[in-house]
Protein backbone atom coordinates (compact mmCIF):
# COMPACT_ATOMS: atom_id res chain seq x y z
CA MET A 1 0.00 0.00 0.00
CA VAL A 2 1.30 3.47 -0.93
CA THR A 3 2.03 5.79 1.99
CA GLY A 4 3.54 9.25 2.50
CA LYS A 5 2.42 12.83 1.91
CA LEU A 6 2.47 12.74 -1.89
CA SER A 7 0.85 9.33 -1.96
CA LYS A 8 -2.03 10.62 0.13
CA ILE A 9 -2.56 13.42 -2.40
CA PHE A 10 -2.55 10.91 -5.25
CA SER A 11 -5.00 8.66 -3.37
CA HIS A 12 -7.66 11.38 -3.43
CA SER A 13 -8.22 10.63 -7.11
CA GLN A 14 -9.57 7.50 -8.79
CA VAL A 15 -7.27 8.12 -11.77
CA PRO A 16 -4.60 5.39 -11.98
CA LEU A 17 -1.48 6.29 -10.03
CA TYR A 18 0.89 6.11 -13.00
CA ILE A 19 -1.28 8.57 -14.98
CA GLN A 20 -1.20 11.04 -12.07
CA LEU A 21 2.58 10.68 -11.82
CA ALA A 22 2.97 11.14 -15.59
CA SER A 23 0.88 14.31 -15.35
CA THR A 24 3.15 15.66 -12.61
CA LEU A 25 6.30 14.92 -14.60
CA ARG A 26 4.74 16.36 -17.77
CA ARG A 27 4.00 19.55 -15.85
CA ARG A 28 7.67 19.83 -14.84
CA ILE A 29 8.68 19.66 -18.50
CA GLU A 30 6.05 22.25 -19.41
CA LYS A 31 7.28 24.61 -16.69
CA GLY A 32 10.91 24.24 -17.81
CA PHE A 33 12.11 22.41 -14.70
CA TRP A 34 13.50 19.92 -17.20
CA LYS A 35 14.36 21.41 -20.59
CA LYS A 36 14.99 19.69 -23.90
CA GLY A 37 18.16 17.63 -23.59
CA ASP A 38 18.02 17.45 -19.79
CA LYS A 39 18.20 14.18 -17.95
CA ILE A 40 15.24 13.72 -15.64
CA SER A 41 15.42 12.18 -12.18
CA THR A 42 16.37 8.52 -12.05
CA LEU A 43 13.86 5.76 -11.42
CA ASP A 44 15.12 5.31 -7.85
CA GLU A 45 14.96 9.06 -7.17
CA LEU A 46 11.36 9.23 -8.39
CA VAL A 47 10.41 6.18 -6.31
CA VAL A 48 11.72 7.92 -3.18
CA GLU A 49 10.34 11.39 -4.02
CA PHE A 50 6.80 10.23 -4.78
CA ASP A 51 6.77 7.18 -2.50
CA VAL A 52 5.44 4.89 -5.22
CA GLY A 53 6.53 1.55 -6.61
CA ARG A 54 9.09 1.08 -9.37
CA VAL A 55 6.42 -0.37 -11.67
CA THR A 56 4.34 2.84 -11.30
CA VAL A 57 7.33 5.01 -12.23
CA ARG A 58 8.15 2.83 -15.24
CA GLN A 59 4.54 3.05 -16.45
CA ALA A 60 4.57 6.85 -16.08
CA ILE A 61 7.84 7.14 -18.02
CA ASP A 62 6.50 4.77 -20.69
CA LEU A 63 3.48 7.05 -21.12
CA LEU A 64 5.66 10.15 -21.55
CA GLN A 65 7.85 8.25 -24.01
CA GLU A 66 4.77 7.27 -26.05
CA GLU A 67 3.86 10.98 -26.17
CA GLY A 68 7.32 11.74 -27.55
CA LEU A 69 8.36 13.89 -24.58
CA VAL A 70 11.17 11.72 -23.22
CA LYS A 71 13.41 8.91 -24.41
CA ARG A 72 15.34 6.30 -22.50
CA GLN A 73 19.00 5.82 -23.37
CA GLN A 74 20.45 2.49 -22.33
CA GLY A 75 22.88 2.91 -19.45
CA LYS A 76 22.53 6.72 -19.41
CA GLY A 77 19.01 7.50 -18.19
CA THR A 78 15.89 9.22 -19.49
CA PHE A 79 16.16 12.51 -21.37
CA VAL A 80 13.69 15.19 -22.46
CA VAL A 81 13.48 15.20 -26.26
CA LYS A 82 10.60 17.61 -26.76
CA GLN A 83 9.64 20.83 -25.03
CA ILE A 84 5.94 21.41 -24.44
CA LYS A 85 4.76 24.63 -26.05
CA LYS A 86 2.61 26.92 -23.99
CA GLU A 87 -0.53 27.36 -26.06
CA GLN A 88 -2.62 29.48 -23.71
CA TRP A 89 -3.73 31.78 -26.53
CA LEU A 90 -7.44 31.96 -25.74
CA LYS A 91 -8.35 34.79 -23.35
CA LEU A 92 -11.62 34.47 -21.50
CA GLU A 93 -12.73 38.07 -21.78
CA VAL A 94 -14.98 40.02 -19.42
CA SER A 95 -16.85 42.08 -22.04
CA MET A 96 -18.97 40.93 -24.98
CA SER A 97 -17.10 43.00 -27.58
CA SER A 98 -13.67 41.74 -26.56
CA MET A 99 -14.95 38.17 -26.32
CA LEU A 100 -16.36 38.34 -29.85
CA GLU A 101 -13.04 39.67 -31.13
CA THR A 102 -11.19 36.78 -29.49
CA LEU A 103 -13.53 34.18 -31.02
CA SER A 104 -13.85 35.76 -34.46
CA ASP A 105 -11.40 33.32 -36.08
CA ASN A 106 -12.96 30.16 -34.72
CA LYS A 107 -13.89 27.38 -37.15
CA PRO A 108 -16.87 25.35 -35.93
CA LYS A 109 -17.61 21.77 -36.86
CA PHE A 110 -21.28 21.19 -36.12
CA LEU A 111 -22.34 17.99 -34.41
CA SER A 112 -25.55 16.14 -35.19
CA SER A 113 -27.66 14.89 -32.30
CA LYS A 114 -30.72 12.65 -32.33
CA SER A 115 -31.50 13.39 -28.69
CA PRO A 116 -34.61 15.45 -27.91
CA ILE A 117 -33.96 19.15 -27.29
CA LEU A 118 -34.22 19.75 -23.58
CA PRO A 119 -34.42 23.27 -22.11
CA PRO A 120 -31.17 24.72 -20.74
CA GLN A 121 -30.35 24.65 -17.05
CA LEU A 122 -30.93 28.06 -15.43
CA ASN A 123 -30.94 29.23 -11.85
CA SER A 124 -33.45 31.78 -10.59
CA GLU A 125 -31.06 34.71 -11.11
CA GLU A 126 -30.32 33.96 -14.76
CA GLY A 127 -33.72 34.75 -16.24
CA LYS A 128 -36.82 32.96 -17.45
CA LEU A 129 -36.95 30.13 -19.95
CA ALA A 130 -38.16 30.87 -23.46
CA ASP A 131 -41.14 28.94 -24.83
CA GLU A 132 -38.96 26.92 -27.19
CA TYR A 133 -35.27 26.68 -28.08
CA VAL A 134 -33.16 25.74 -31.06
CA CYS A 135 -30.10 23.77 -29.99
CA MET A 136 -26.76 23.86 -31.84
CA GLU A 137 -23.66 21.87 -30.85
CA SER A 138 -20.21 22.22 -32.36
CA VAL A 139 -16.52 21.65 -31.81
CA GLN A 140 -14.47 24.83 -32.27
CA PHE A 141 -11.11 24.68 -34.06
CA ARG A 142 -8.11 27.00 -34.29
CA ASP A 143 -5.28 26.09 -36.68
CA LYS A 144 -7.03 22.75 -37.26
CA LYS A 145 -6.81 21.87 -33.55
CA PRO A 146 -9.94 21.42 -31.44
CA TYR A 147 -10.08 23.69 -28.41
CA GLY A 148 -13.72 23.91 -27.34
CA ILE A 149 -17.07 22.15 -27.32
CA VAL A 150 -20.01 24.53 -27.56
CA LYS A 151 -23.67 23.79 -26.85
CA VAL A 152 -25.97 26.74 -27.56
CA HIS A 153 -29.66 27.06 -26.74
CA LEU A 154 -31.16 29.92 -28.74
CA ASP A 155 -34.72 31.19 -28.32
CA LYS A 156 -36.56 29.79 -31.37
CA TYR A 157 -38.34 33.12 -31.90
CA ILE A 158 -34.97 34.90 -32.10
CA PHE A 159 -33.55 32.21 -34.37
CA GLU A 160 -36.38 32.64 -36.85
CA LEU A 161 -35.59 36.37 -37.17
CA ALA A 162 -32.36 35.55 -39.04
CA PRO A 163 -31.93 31.79 -39.55
CA GLU A 164 -29.35 32.10 -42.34
CA SER A 165 -27.16 34.43 -40.28
CA PHE A 166 -27.26 32.10 -37.28
CA HIS A 167 -26.27 29.15 -39.46
CA LYS A 168 -23.30 30.99 -40.99
CA ASN A 169 -21.98 33.17 -38.16
CA LEU A 170 -21.07 33.07 -34.52
CA THR A 171 -24.44 33.08 -32.73
CA LEU A 172 -23.38 35.63 -30.13
CA ALA A 173 -22.20 38.00 -32.87
CA VAL A 174 -25.58 38.00 -34.62
CA LEU A 175 -27.63 39.01 -31.58
CA PRO A 176 -26.50 42.70 -31.40
CA GLN A 177 -27.32 43.08 -35.11
CA LEU A 178 -31.04 42.37 -34.61
CA GLU A 179 -32.70 45.77 -34.47
CA SER A 180 -35.87 44.50 -32.80
CA LEU A 181 -33.93 42.83 -30.00
CA LYS A 182 -33.05 44.68 -26.82
CA ILE A 183 -30.44 42.93 -24.70
CA LYS A 184 -30.79 43.60 -21.00
CA ARG A 185 -28.03 41.44 -19.53
CA ALA A 186 -25.17 39.23 -20.65
CA HIS A 187 -22.91 37.39 -18.26
CA GLN A 188 -20.79 34.29 -17.97
CA THR A 189 -19.51 32.13 -15.15
CA LEU A 190 -16.54 29.76 -15.16
CA ILE A 191 -15.60 26.63 -13.28
CA ILE A 192 -12.54 24.40 -13.54
CA GLY A 193 -13.30 20.81 -14.47
CA THR A 194 -11.79 17.71 -16.03
CA ALA A 195 -12.38 15.95 -19.33
CA ASP A 196 -14.66 12.92 -19.35
CA THR A 197 -14.40 10.24 -22.03
CA GLU A 198 -16.51 12.05 -24.65
CA THR A 199 -14.86 15.44 -24.02
CA ALA A 200 -11.37 13.93 -24.19
CA GLN A 201 -12.22 12.33 -27.55
CA LEU A 202 -13.70 15.48 -29.11
CA LEU A 203 -10.91 17.78 -27.88
CA ASP A 204 -8.10 15.30 -28.54
CA THR A 205 -6.86 15.51 -24.97
CA GLY A 206 -6.29 13.12 -22.10
CA LEU A 207 -8.94 11.63 -19.84
CA ASN A 208 -9.32 13.84 -16.75
CA ALA A 209 -7.20 16.58 -18.37
CA PRO A 210 -8.08 20.05 -16.98
CA THR A 211 -10.87 21.99 -18.65
CA ALA A 212 -12.45 25.42 -18.27
CA GLU A 213 -16.24 25.21 -18.36
CA VAL A 214 -18.09 28.43 -19.21
CA HIS A 215 -21.80 29.10 -18.78
CA CYS A 216 -22.96 32.17 -20.72
CA VAL A 217 -26.47 33.66 -20.58
CA VAL A 218 -27.98 36.58 -22.51
CA THR A 219 -31.42 37.91 -21.53
CA ASP A 220 -33.78 40.30 -23.29
CA GLU A 221 -35.74 43.22 -21.86
CA ASN A 222 -38.34 40.81 -20.47
CA ASP A 223 -35.69 38.77 -18.59
CA VAL A 224 -36.11 35.85 -21.00
CA ALA A 225 -32.92 33.85 -21.49
CA ILE A 226 -32.72 34.08 -25.27
CA TYR A 227 -29.16 32.66 -25.47
CA VAL A 228 -27.64 30.05 -23.19
CA ALA A 229 -24.24 28.57 -24.04
CA ASP A 230 -22.29 25.90 -22.22
CA ILE A 231 -18.72 25.73 -23.44
CA ILE A 232 -15.95 23.33 -22.47
CA TYR A 233 -12.44 24.57 -23.31
CA ARG A 234 -9.18 22.66 -23.20
CA GLY A 235 -7.38 23.85 -20.09
CA ASP A 236 -4.05 24.14 -21.90
CA CYS A 237 -5.23 26.91 -24.24
CA ILE A 238 -7.00 29.12 -21.69
CA LYS A 239 -5.74 32.36 -20.23
CA PHE A 240 -7.91 34.43 -17.87
CA ASP A 241 -6.69 38.01 -17.93
CA ILE A 242 -8.42 40.72 -15.86
CA GLN A 243 -7.33 44.32 -15.43
CA LEU A 244 -7.74 45.06 -11.73
CA LEU A 245 -6.98 48.77 -12.01
CA GLN A 246 -8.64 51.06 -14.53
CA SER A 247 -6.20 53.44 -16.19
CA SER A 248 -7.14 57.01 -15.37
CA VAL A 249 -7.57 59.60 -18.11
CA GLY A 250 -6.37 63.14 -17.55
CA ASN A 251 -5.21 64.62 -14.27
């Protein structure tokens, strides 16, 4: 049985121990603790540091080697052969205009679903449900790489005002262009999660890899939630940047 401080941390998760260890070692490479060409800690050193068995360490190293991050050299040790690029290019903005600018280059791949369209999940502070919704699901791509899964519920009445525009453009970008629509409130909340099996497959990431899950709601002048989006982003492409101090103008 595994004991020790680090082992107790690992035991809090149902993810296999070697996968957790591989994630920790991968993070060290990403942070530059070990750079390309560096020799990582020996098997015995990792066994002592993480208080795990030798088989667990070998499995973790095997996983990193399969990913092309490290390579064993007979009689010399294990070396980093690839540096992980930091790809946190997607800013989660705090205003609608800046968010639309960030997402303007996205390339959606729409998903087909045979499931019945259920109403979105709203709490009492987020507005009232519309009579009927149109549901659209897609995987968003940047440079041919998937980075987000988007599920949008759009008030069917609003959708029918400009169906062609909603099919061709970013849904959130079309809303301000509708002259008859008066938006009262738009907000989003974020939680940190992990990728389940389906998410990992669609985003080409690992099972239980970190994700940023965004819930975005837009209401009209009657407090009807006309737009509800639930978005799951890959955690390795997200950057949350907030200006805490407003720059003053003049003296």
